[in-house]
PDB file of N, CA and C in Angstrom:
ATOM      1  N   MET A   1       0.716  -1.254   0.197  1.00  0.00           N
ATOM      2  CA  MET A   1       0.190   0.219   0.154  1.00  0.00           C
ATOM      3  C   MET A   1       1.360   1.255  -0.489  1.00  0.00           C
ATOM      4  N   LEU A   2       0.346   2.419  -0.549  1.00  0.00           N
ATOM      5  CA  LEU A   2       1.093   3.431  -0.629  1.00  0.00           C
ATOM      6  C   LEU A   2      -0.168   4.730  -0.318  1.00  0.00           C
ATOM      7  N   LEU A   3       0.631   5.713   0.848  1.00  0.00           N
ATOM      8  CA  LEU A   3      -0.158   6.777   0.505  1.00  0.00           C
ATOM      9  C   LEU A   3       0.476   8.060  -0.327  1.00  0.00           C
ATOM     10  N   ALA A   4      -0.959   8.512  -0.626  1.00  0.00           N
ATOM     11  CA  ALA A   4      -1.539   9.413  -1.885  1.00  0.00           C
ATOM     12  C   ALA A   4      -2.273  10.995  -1.573  1.00  0.00           C
ATOM     13  N   ARG A   5      -2.245  11.437  -2.189  1.00  0.00           N
ATOM     14  CA  ARG A   5      -3.490  12.794  -2.314  1.00  0.00           C
ATOM     15  C   ARG A   5      -4.196  12.621  -3.274  1.00  0.00           C
ATOM     16  N   VAL A   6      -5.404  12.688  -3.434  1.00  0.00           N
ATOM     17  CA  VAL A   6      -5.992  12.795  -4.354  1.00  0.00           C
ATOM     18  C   VAL A   6      -6.088  13.943  -5.195  1.00  0.00           C
ATOM     19  N   GLN A   7      -5.738  14.599  -6.434  1.00  0.00           N
ATOM     20  CA  GLN A   7      -5.430  16.216  -7.024  1.00  0.00           C
ATOM     21  C   GLN A   7      -6.905  15.829  -7.940  1.00  0.00           C
ATOM     22  N   GLY A   8      -7.257  15.228  -8.018  1.00  0.00           N
ATOM     23  CA  GLY A   8      -8.216  15.123  -8.858  1.00  0.00           C
ATOM     24  C   GLY A   8      -9.090  14.083  -9.509  1.00  0.00           C
ATOM     25  N   THR A   9     -10.362  13.983 -10.432  1.00  0.00           N
ATOM     26  CA  THR A   9     -11.014  13.495 -11.271  1.00  0.00           C
ATOM     27  C   THR A   9     -10.727  12.856 -12.871  1.00  0.00           C
ATOM     28  N   VAL A  10     -10.954  11.466 -13.203  1.00  0.00           N
ATOM     29  CA  VAL A  10     -10.714  11.582 -14.674  1.00  0.00           C
ATOM     30  C   VAL A  10     -12.336  10.573 -15.391  1.00  0.00           C
ATOM     31  N   VAL A  11     -12.868  11.356 -15.846  1.00  0.00           N
ATOM     32  CA  VAL A  11     -13.773  11.177 -16.658  1.00  0.00           C
ATOM     33  C   VAL A  11     -13.375  10.503 -18.123  1.00  0.00           C
ATOM     34  N   ALA A  12     -14.575   9.238 -18.102  1.00  0.00           N
ATOM     35  CA  ALA A  12     -13.750   8.382 -18.998  1.00  0.00           C
ATOM     36  C   ALA A  12     -15.378   7.836 -19.635  1.00  0.00           C
ATOM     37  N   SER A  13     -15.974   8.297 -20.858  1.00  0.00           N
ATOM     38  CA  SER A  13     -17.188   7.911 -21.050  1.00  0.00           C
ATOM     39  C   SER A  13     -16.952   6.573 -22.356  1.00  0.00           C
ATOM     40  N   GLN A  14     -15.989   6.211 -22.154  1.00  0.00           N
ATOM     41  CA  GLN A  14     -15.877   5.114 -23.220  1.00  0.00           C
ATOM     42  C   GLN A  14     -14.649   4.206 -22.065  1.00  0.00           C
ATOM     43  N   LYS A  15     -15.416   3.098 -22.285  1.00  0.00           N
ATOM     44  CA  LYS A  15     -14.125   2.150 -21.311  1.00  0.00           C
ATOM     45  C   LYS A  15     -14.864   0.589 -21.484  1.00  0.00           C
ATOM     46  N   GLU A  16     -14.178  -0.154 -20.689  1.00  0.00           N
ATOM     47  CA  GLU A  16     -14.808  -1.275 -20.552  1.00  0.00           C
ATOM     48  C   GLU A  16     -15.603  -1.837 -20.050  1.00  0.00           C
ATOM     49  N   PRO A  17     -16.827  -2.105 -20.523  1.00  0.00           N
ATOM     50  CA  PRO A  17     -17.556  -2.478 -19.963  1.00  0.00           C
ATOM     51  C   PRO A  17     -17.997  -2.592 -18.368  1.00  0.00           C
ATOM     52  N   SER A  18     -16.837  -3.496 -18.256  1.00  0.00           N
ATOM     53  CA  SER A  18     -16.792  -3.988 -16.740  1.00  0.00           C
ATOM     54  C   SER A  18     -16.384  -2.892 -15.861  1.00  0.00           C
ATOM     55  N   MET A  19     -15.783  -2.120 -16.452  1.00  0.00           N
ATOM     56  CA  MET A  19     -15.439  -0.502 -15.489  1.00  0.00           C
ATOM     57  C   MET A  19     -16.890   0.282 -15.330  1.00  0.00           C
ATOM     58  N   ASP A  20     -18.385  -0.069 -15.831  1.00  0.00           N
ATOM     59  CA  ASP A  20     -18.766   0.811 -16.061  1.00  0.00           C
ATOM     60  C   ASP A  20     -18.888   1.014 -14.387  1.00  0.00           C
ATOM     61  N   GLY A  21     -19.632   2.569 -14.617  1.00  0.00           N
ATOM     62  CA  GLY A  21     -19.696   2.556 -12.981  1.00  0.00           C
ATOM     63  C   GLY A  21     -18.832   2.892 -11.900  1.00  0.00           C
ATOM     64  N   PHE A  22     -17.693   2.775 -12.010  1.00  0.00           N
ATOM     65  CA  PHE A  22     -16.376   3.226 -11.373  1.00  0.00           C
ATOM     66  C   PHE A  22     -16.016   4.782 -11.826  1.00  0.00           C
ATOM     67  N   LYS A  23     -15.614   5.339 -10.216  1.00  0.00           N
ATOM     68  CA  LYS A  23     -15.316   6.965 -10.139  1.00  0.00           C
ATOM     69  C   LYS A  23     -13.458   6.622 -10.615  1.00  0.00           C
ATOM     70  N   PHE A  24     -12.817   7.336 -11.427  1.00  0.00           N
ATOM     71  CA  PHE A  24     -11.301   7.464 -11.206  1.00  0.00           C
ATOM     72  C   PHE A  24     -10.676   8.615 -10.661  1.00  0.00           C
ATOM     73  N   LEU A  25      -9.481   8.234  -9.849  1.00  0.00           N
ATOM     74  CA  LEU A  25      -9.237   9.296  -9.177  1.00  0.00           C
ATOM     75  C   LEU A  25      -7.603   9.303  -9.733  1.00  0.00           C
ATOM     76  N   LEU A  26      -7.405  11.059  -9.829  1.00  0.00           N
ATOM     77  CA  LEU A  26      -5.827  11.253  -9.976  1.00  0.00           C
ATOM     78  C   LEU A  26      -5.174  11.348  -8.454  1.00  0.00           C
ATOM     79  N   VAL A  27      -4.322  10.527  -8.091  1.00  0.00           N
ATOM     80  CA  VAL A  27      -3.591  10.385  -6.925  1.00  0.00           C
ATOM     81  C   VAL A  27      -1.813  10.299  -7.028  1.00  0.00           C
ATOM     82  N   ARG A  28      -1.495  11.545  -6.612  1.00  0.00           N
ATOM     83  CA  ARG A  28      -0.136  11.619  -6.304  1.00  0.00           C
ATOM     84  C   ARG A  28       0.452  10.711  -5.317  1.00  0.00           C
ATOM     85  N   PRO A  29       1.655   9.993  -5.431  1.00  0.00           N
ATOM     86  CA  PRO A  29       1.792   9.828  -4.136  1.00  0.00           C
ATOM     87  C   PRO A  29       2.894  10.631  -2.928  1.00  0.00           C
ATOM     88  N   LEU A  30       2.469  10.460  -1.843  1.00  0.00           N
ATOM     89  CA  LEU A  30       2.933  10.950  -0.940  1.00  0.00           C
ATOM     90  C   LEU A  30       4.653  10.410  -0.200  1.00  0.00           C
ATOM     91  N   ASP A  31       5.503  10.772   0.457  1.00  0.00           N
ATOM     92  CA  ASP A  31       6.522  10.254   1.414  1.00  0.00           C
ATOM     93  C   ASP A  31       5.707  10.599   2.892  1.00  0.00           C
ATOM     94  N   GLU A  32       6.862  10.255   3.294  1.00  0.00           N
ATOM     95  CA  GLU A  32       6.423   9.911   5.023  1.00  0.00           C
ATOM     96  C   GLU A  32       6.410  11.219   5.772  1.00  0.00           C
ATOM     97  N   THR A  33       6.740  12.180   4.887  1.00  0.00           N
ATOM     98  CA  THR A  33       6.734  13.558   5.576  1.00  0.00           C
ATOM     99  C   THR A  33       5.413  14.114   5.316  1.00  0.00           C
ATOM    100  N   GLY A  34       4.459  14.011   4.276  1.00  0.00           N
ATOM    101  CA  GLY A  34       3.821  14.021   3.321  1.00  0.00           C
ATOM    102  C   GLY A  34       3.426  15.334   2.240  1.00  0.00           C
ATOM    103  N   ALA A  35       4.561  14.919   1.907  1.00  0.00           N
ATOM    104  CA  ALA A  35       5.029  16.021   0.637  1.00  0.00           C
ATOM    105  C   ALA A  35       4.954  14.803  -0.275  1.00  0.00           C
ATOM    106  N   GLU A  36       4.331  15.447  -1.653  1.00  0.00           N
ATOM    107  CA  GLU A  36       3.848  14.741  -2.958  1.00  0.00           C
ATOM    108  C   GLU A  36       5.580  14.686  -3.300  1.00  0.00           C
ATOM    109  N   THR A  37       5.145  12.702  -3.810  1.00  0.00           N
ATOM    110  CA  THR A  37       6.496  12.316  -4.804  1.00  0.00           C
ATOM    111  C   THR A  37       6.198  11.679  -5.863  1.00  0.00           C
ATOM    112  N   GLY A  38       7.205  11.692  -6.764  1.00  0.00           N
ATOM    113  CA  GLY A  38       6.553  10.371  -7.776  1.00  0.00           C
ATOM    114  C   GLY A  38       5.554  10.969  -8.481  1.00  0.00           C
ATOM    115  N   THR A  39       5.179  10.746  -9.592  1.00  0.00           N
ATOM    116  CA  THR A  39       4.380  10.530 -11.280  1.00  0.00           C
ATOM    117  C   THR A  39       2.710  10.422 -10.331  1.00  0.00           C
ATOM    118  N   ALA A  40       2.050  11.021 -10.680  1.00  0.00           N
ATOM    119  CA  ALA A  40       0.656  11.033 -10.375  1.00  0.00           C
ATOM    120  C   ALA A  40      -0.203   9.374 -11.085  1.00  0.00           C
ATOM    121  N   VAL A  41      -0.809   9.102 -10.486  1.00  0.00           N
ATOM    122  CA  VAL A  41      -1.703   7.540 -10.971  1.00  0.00           C
ATOM    123  C   VAL A  41      -3.038   7.963 -11.125  1.00  0.00           C
ATOM    124  N   VAL A  42      -3.793   7.169 -12.070  1.00  0.00           N
ATOM    125  CA  VAL A  42      -4.855   7.262 -12.175  1.00  0.00           C
ATOM    126  C   VAL A  42      -5.702   5.773 -11.228  1.00  0.00           C
ATOM    127  N   ALA A  43      -6.722   5.915 -10.548  1.00  0.00           N
ATOM    128  CA  ALA A  43      -6.828   4.686  -9.780  1.00  0.00           C
ATOM    129  C   ALA A  43      -8.311   4.840  -9.696  1.00  0.00           C
ATOM    130  N   VAL A  44      -9.037   3.186  -9.804  1.00  0.00           N
ATOM    131  CA  VAL A  44     -10.201   3.249  -9.353  1.00  0.00           C
ATOM    132  C   VAL A  44     -10.705   3.607  -7.887  1.00  0.00           C
ATOM    133  N   ASP A  45     -11.969   4.306  -7.753  1.00  0.00           N
ATOM    134  CA  ASP A  45     -12.121   4.516  -6.116  1.00  0.00           C
ATOM    135  C   ASP A  45     -12.580   3.126  -5.938  1.00  0.00           C
ATOM    136  N   ALA A  46     -12.544   2.998  -4.733  1.00  0.00           N
ATOM    137  CA  ALA A  46     -13.214   2.000  -4.072  1.00  0.00           C
ATOM    138  C   ALA A  46     -14.144   2.293  -3.061  1.00  0.00           C
ATOM    139  N   VAL A  47     -13.322   3.996  -2.417  1.00  0.00           N
ATOM    140  CA  VAL A  47     -14.123   3.778  -1.368  1.00  0.00           C
ATOM    141  C   VAL A  47     -14.549   5.095  -1.011  1.00  0.00           C
ATOM    142  N   GLY A  48     -15.046   5.773  -2.349  1.00  0.00           N
ATOM    143  CA  GLY A  48     -15.661   7.225  -2.013  1.00  0.00           C
ATOM    144  C   GLY A  48     -14.783   8.619  -1.428  1.00  0.00           C
ATOM    145  N   ALA A  49     -13.584   8.418  -1.869  1.00  0.00           N
ATOM    146  CA  ALA A  49     -12.650   9.595  -1.574  1.00  0.00           C
ATOM    147  C   ALA A  49     -12.949  10.335  -2.847  1.00  0.00           C
ATOM    148  N   GLY A  50     -12.588  11.728  -2.239  1.00  0.00           N
ATOM    149  CA  GLY A  50     -12.959  13.068  -2.608  1.00  0.00           C
ATOM    150  C   GLY A  50     -11.359  13.632  -3.236  1.00  0.00           C
ATOM    151  N   VAL A  51     -11.388  14.904  -3.495  1.00  0.00           N
ATOM    152  CA  VAL A  51      -9.905  15.860  -4.295  1.00  0.00           C
ATOM    153  C   VAL A  51      -9.841  16.215  -2.880  1.00  0.00           C
ATOM    154  N   GLY A  52      -8.426  16.176  -2.653  1.00  0.00           N
ATOM    155  CA  GLY A  52      -7.772  16.781  -1.569  1.00  0.00           C
ATOM    156  C   GLY A  52      -7.406  15.602  -0.647  1.00  0.00           C
ATOM    157  N   GLU A  53      -8.243  14.440  -0.946  1.00  0.00           N
ATOM    158  CA  GLU A  53      -7.860  13.781   1.155  1.00  0.00           C
ATOM    159  C   GLU A  53      -6.680  12.679   0.676  1.00  0.00           C
ATOM    160  N   VAL A  54      -5.858  12.489   1.791  1.00  0.00           N
ATOM    161  CA  VAL A  54      -5.360  11.588   1.988  1.00  0.00           C
ATOM    162  C   VAL A  54      -5.588  10.313   1.649  1.00  0.00           C
ATOM    163  N   VAL A  55      -4.849   9.330   1.145  1.00  0.00           N
ATOM    164  CA  VAL A  55      -5.426   7.784   0.933  1.00  0.00           C
ATOM    165  C   VAL A  55      -4.459   6.956   0.822  1.00  0.00           C
ATOM    166  N   LEU A  56      -5.113   5.545   1.130  1.00  0.00           N
ATOM    167  CA  LEU A  56      -4.195   4.450   0.864  1.00  0.00           C
ATOM    168  C   LEU A  56      -4.398   3.907  -0.712  1.00  0.00           C
ATOM    169  N   PHE A  57      -3.395   3.705  -1.777  1.00  0.00           N
ATOM    170  CA  PHE A  57      -3.469   2.742  -2.668  1.00  0.00           C
ATOM    171  C   PHE A  57      -3.090   1.439  -2.813  1.00  0.00           C
ATOM    172  N   ALA A  58      -3.372   0.994  -4.247  1.00  0.00           N
ATOM    173  CA  ALA A  58      -2.625   0.066  -4.317  1.00  0.00           C
ATOM    174  C   ALA A  58      -2.415  -0.596  -5.519  1.00  0.00           C
ATOM    175  N   THR A  59      -1.474  -1.058  -6.329  1.00  0.00           N
ATOM    176  CA  THR A  59      -0.998  -0.995  -7.666  1.00  0.00           C
ATOM    177  C   THR A  59      -0.864  -2.328  -7.735  1.00  0.00           C
ATOM    178  N   GLY A  60      -0.838  -2.861  -8.800  1.00  0.00           N
ATOM    179  CA  GLY A  60      -0.690  -4.217  -9.945  1.00  0.00           C
ATOM    180  C   GLY A  60      -1.418  -5.164  -9.453  1.00  0.00           C
ATOM    181  N   SER A  61      -0.642  -6.521  -9.273  1.00  0.00           N
ATOM    182  CA  SER A  61      -2.167  -7.539  -8.964  1.00  0.00           C
ATOM    183  C   SER A  61      -3.116  -7.184  -7.795  1.00  0.00           C
ATOM    184  N   ALA A  62      -2.549  -6.523  -6.628  1.00  0.00           N
ATOM    185  CA  ALA A  62      -3.313  -6.438  -5.263  1.00  0.00           C
ATOM    186  C   ALA A  62      -4.089  -5.172  -5.465  1.00  0.00           C
ATOM    187  N   ALA A  63      -4.308  -4.544  -6.578  1.00  0.00           N
ATOM    188  CA  ALA A  63      -5.330  -3.754  -7.356  1.00  0.00           C
ATOM    189  C   ALA A  63      -6.619  -4.474  -7.498  1.00  0.00           C
ATOM    190  N   ARG A  64      -6.258  -5.643  -8.044  1.00  0.00           N
ATOM    191  CA  ARG A  64      -7.630  -6.518  -8.254  1.00  0.00           C
ATOM    192  C   ARG A  64      -8.329  -7.340  -6.842  1.00  0.00           C
ATOM    193  N   GLN A  65      -7.958  -7.026  -5.995  1.00  0.00           N
ATOM    194  CA  GLN A  65      -8.047  -7.917  -4.657  1.00  0.00           C
ATOM    195  C   GLN A  65      -9.035  -7.032  -4.145  1.00  0.00           C
ATOM    196  N   THR A  66      -9.691  -6.329  -4.477  1.00  0.00           N
ATOM    197  CA  THR A  66     -10.718  -5.751  -3.378  1.00  0.00           C
ATOM    198  C   THR A  66     -12.089  -6.454  -4.409  1.00  0.00           C
ATOM    199  N   VAL A  67     -12.981  -6.315  -3.188  1.00  0.00           N
ATOM    200  CA  VAL A  67     -14.049  -6.613  -3.423  1.00  0.00           C
ATOM    201  C   VAL A  67     -14.474  -6.252  -4.862  1.00  0.00           C
ATOM    202  N   ALA A  68     -14.891  -4.620  -4.931  1.00  0.00           N
ATOM    203  CA  ALA A  68     -15.331  -3.797  -6.015  1.00  0.00           C
ATOM    204  C   ALA A  68     -14.090  -4.286  -7.608  1.00  0.00           C
ATOM    205  N   THR A  69     -13.387  -4.529  -7.028  1.00  0.00           N
ATOM    206  CA  THR A  69     -12.073  -4.759  -8.511  1.00  0.00           C
ATOM    207  C   THR A  69     -11.655  -6.478  -8.613  1.00  0.00           C
ATOM    208  N   LYS A  70     -12.343  -6.944  -8.349  1.00  0.00           N
ATOM    209  CA  LYS A  70     -11.869  -8.231  -8.387  1.00  0.00           C
ATOM    210  C   LYS A  70     -11.921  -8.861 -10.112  1.00  0.00           C
ATOM    211  N   ASP A  71     -11.231  -9.528 -10.378  1.00  0.00           N
ATOM    212  CA  ASP A  71     -11.444  -9.912 -11.642  1.00  0.00           C
ATOM    213  C   ASP A  71     -11.638  -8.467 -12.790  1.00  0.00           C
ATOM    214  N   ARG A  72     -11.017  -7.389 -12.273  1.00  0.00           N
ATOM    215  CA  ARG A  72     -11.554  -6.348 -13.102  1.00  0.00           C
ATOM    216  C   ARG A  72      -9.931  -5.817 -13.677  1.00  0.00           C
ATOM    217  N   PRO A  73     -10.044  -5.310 -15.268  1.00  0.00           N
ATOM    218  CA  PRO A  73      -8.954  -4.770 -15.834  1.00  0.00           C
ATOM    219  C   PRO A  73      -7.991  -3.401 -15.193  1.00  0.00           C
ATOM    220  N   CYS A  74      -7.631  -3.194 -13.898  1.00  0.00           N
ATOM    221  CA  CYS A  74      -7.263  -2.121 -13.051  1.00  0.00           C
ATOM    222  C   CYS A  74      -5.919  -2.474 -12.736  1.00  0.00           C
ATOM    223  N   ASP A  75      -5.153  -1.476 -12.456  1.00  0.00           N
ATOM    224  CA  ASP A  75      -3.828  -1.752 -12.244  1.00  0.00           C
ATOM    225  C   ASP A  75      -3.923  -0.734 -10.637  1.00  0.00           C
ATOM    226  N   ALA A  76      -4.575   0.074 -10.551  1.00  0.00           N
ATOM    227  CA  ALA A  76      -4.792   0.631  -9.193  1.00  0.00           C
ATOM    228  C   ALA A  76      -5.902   0.880  -8.713  1.00  0.00           C
ATOM    229  N   VAL A  77      -6.120   0.910  -7.101  1.00  0.00           N
ATOM    230  CA  VAL A  77      -7.076   1.359  -6.706  1.00  0.00           C
ATOM    231  C   VAL A  77      -7.289   1.890  -4.870  1.00  0.00           C
ATOM    232  N   VAL A  78      -7.574   2.931  -4.994  1.00  0.00           N
ATOM    233  CA  VAL A  78      -8.240   3.668  -3.631  1.00  0.00           C
ATOM    234  C   VAL A  78      -8.817   2.514  -2.796  1.00  0.00           C
ATOM    235  N   MET A  79      -8.228   2.188  -1.773  1.00  0.00           N
ATOM    236  CA  MET A  79      -8.661   1.149  -0.598  1.00  0.00           C
ATOM    237  C   MET A  79      -8.938   1.657   0.600  1.00  0.00           C
ATOM    238  N   ALA A  80      -8.625   3.208   1.088  1.00  0.00           N
ATOM    239  CA  ALA A  80      -8.849   3.561   2.375  1.00  0.00           C
ATOM    240  C   ALA A  80      -8.574   4.967   2.011  1.00  0.00           C
ATOM    241  N   ILE A  81      -9.547   5.498   2.804  1.00  0.00           N
ATOM    242  CA  ILE A  81      -9.653   6.906   2.912  1.00  0.00           C
ATOM    243  C   ILE A  81      -8.648   7.302   4.340  1.00  0.00           C
ATOM    244  N   VAL A  82      -7.122   7.810   4.778  1.00  0.00           N
ATOM    245  CA  VAL A  82      -6.667   7.827   6.204  1.00  0.00           C
ATOM    246  C   VAL A  82      -7.198   8.988   6.878  1.00  0.00           C
ATOM    247  N   ASP A  83      -7.065   8.903   8.323  1.00  0.00           N
ATOM    248  CA  ASP A  83      -7.687   9.622   9.015  1.00  0.00           C
ATOM    249  C   ASP A  83      -6.453  10.118   9.849  1.00  0.00           C
ATOM    250  N   ILE A  84      -5.453   9.409  10.037  1.00  0.00           N
ATOM    251  CA  ILE A  84      -4.670  10.402  10.702  1.00  0.00           C
ATOM    252  C   ILE A  84      -3.294   9.142  10.467  1.00  0.00           C
ATOM    253  N   PHE A  85      -2.316  10.104  10.198  1.00  0.00           N
ATOM    254  CA  PHE A  85      -0.964   8.885  10.173  1.00  0.00           C
ATOM    255  C   PHE A  85       0.276   9.930  10.858  1.00  0.00           C
ATOM    256  N   GLU A  86       0.876   8.814  11.388  1.00  0.00           N
ATOM    257  CA  GLU A  86       2.247   9.370  12.597  1.00  0.00           C
ATOM    258  C   GLU A  86       3.895   8.654  11.828  1.00  0.00           C
ATOM    259  N   VAL A  87       4.330   9.289  12.354  1.00  0.00           N
ATOM    260  CA  VAL A  87       5.911   8.798  12.079  1.00  0.00           C
ATOM    261  C   VAL A  87       6.724   9.142  13.102  1.00  0.00           C
ATOM    262  N   GLY A  88       7.771   7.990  13.733  1.00  0.00           N
ATOM    263  CA  GLY A  88       8.439   8.562  14.728  1.00  0.00           C
ATOM    264  C   GLY A  88       7.367   8.720  15.968  1.00  0.00           C
ATOM    265  N   GLY A  89       6.120   8.743  16.253  1.00  0.00           N
ATOM    266  CA  GLY A  89       5.224   9.562  17.558  1.00  0.00           C
ATOM    267  C   GLY A  89       4.416  11.049  16.945  1.00  0.00           C
ATOM    268  N   ARG A  90       5.313  11.588  16.115  1.00  0.00           N
ATOM    269  CA  ARG A  90       4.683  13.110  15.277  1.00  0.00           C
ATOM    270  C   ARG A  90       3.763  12.790  14.228  1.00  0.00           C
ATOM    271  N   GLU A  91       2.665  13.392  14.576  1.00  0.00           N
ATOM    272  CA  GLU A  91       1.670  13.516  13.484  1.00  0.00           C
ATOM    273  C   GLU A  91       1.790  14.431  12.664  1.00  0.00           C
ATOM    274  N   VAL A  92       2.042  13.625  11.307  1.00  0.00           N
ATOM    275  CA  VAL A  92       2.124  14.095  10.203  1.00  0.00           C
ATOM    276  C   VAL A  92       1.127  14.558   9.361  1.00  0.00           C
ATOM    277  N   TYR A  93      -0.418  13.901   9.349  1.00  0.00           N
ATOM    278  CA  TYR A  93      -1.091  14.032   8.792  1.00  0.00           C
ATOM    279  C   TYR A  93      -2.757  13.857   9.708  1.00  0.00           C
ATOM    280  N   ARG A  94      -3.741  14.873   9.849  1.00  0.00           N
ATOM    281  CA  ARG A  94      -4.701  14.294  10.187  1.00  0.00           C
ATOM    282  C   ARG A  94      -6.111  15.310   9.650  1.00  0.00           C
ATOM    283  N   LYS A  95      -6.451  14.248   8.808  1.00  0.00           N
ATOM    284  CA  LYS A  95      -8.211  14.430   7.809  1.00  0.00           C
ATOM    285  C   LYS A  95      -8.277  15.911   8.727  1.00  0.00           C
ATOM    286  N   GLY A  96      -9.051  16.770   8.099  1.00  0.00           N
ATOM    287  CA  GLY A  96      -9.478  17.925   8.147  1.00  0.00           C
ATOM    288  C   GLY A  96      -8.576  18.793   9.289  1.00  0.00           C
ATOM    289  N   GLY A  97      -7.533  18.697   9.186  1.00  0.00           N
ATOM    290  CA  GLY A  97      -6.532  19.486  10.476  1.00  0.00           C
ATOM    291  C   GLY A  97      -5.686  20.341  10.169  1.00  0.00           C
ATOM    292  N   GLU A  98      -5.939  20.188   8.545  1.00  0.00           N
ATOM    293  CA  GLU A  98      -4.503  20.463   7.432  1.00  0.00           C
ATOM    294  C   GLU A  98      -4.552  22.310   7.968  1.00  0.00           C
TER     295      GLU A  98
END
């Protein structure tokens, strides 16, 4: 699992029929300090995350292990919305407390 911040949404009116009804999010990975790092990824939203939220996402075959994405053609899935994360006993992020 990786930490990321939701940057935006992706709309695709033409897609594989098994992906109908899914919301796609543009997420950018975060490091342990909460700073954005790496390249943005498009991920299927399995939990109802919104723009600006910090989330956990998985890629590769792990992305097809949620109830919503099982056996679907996706390579990244948001599977949790982060409430708090701490590093070394120091709170780095708290939902709604930024």
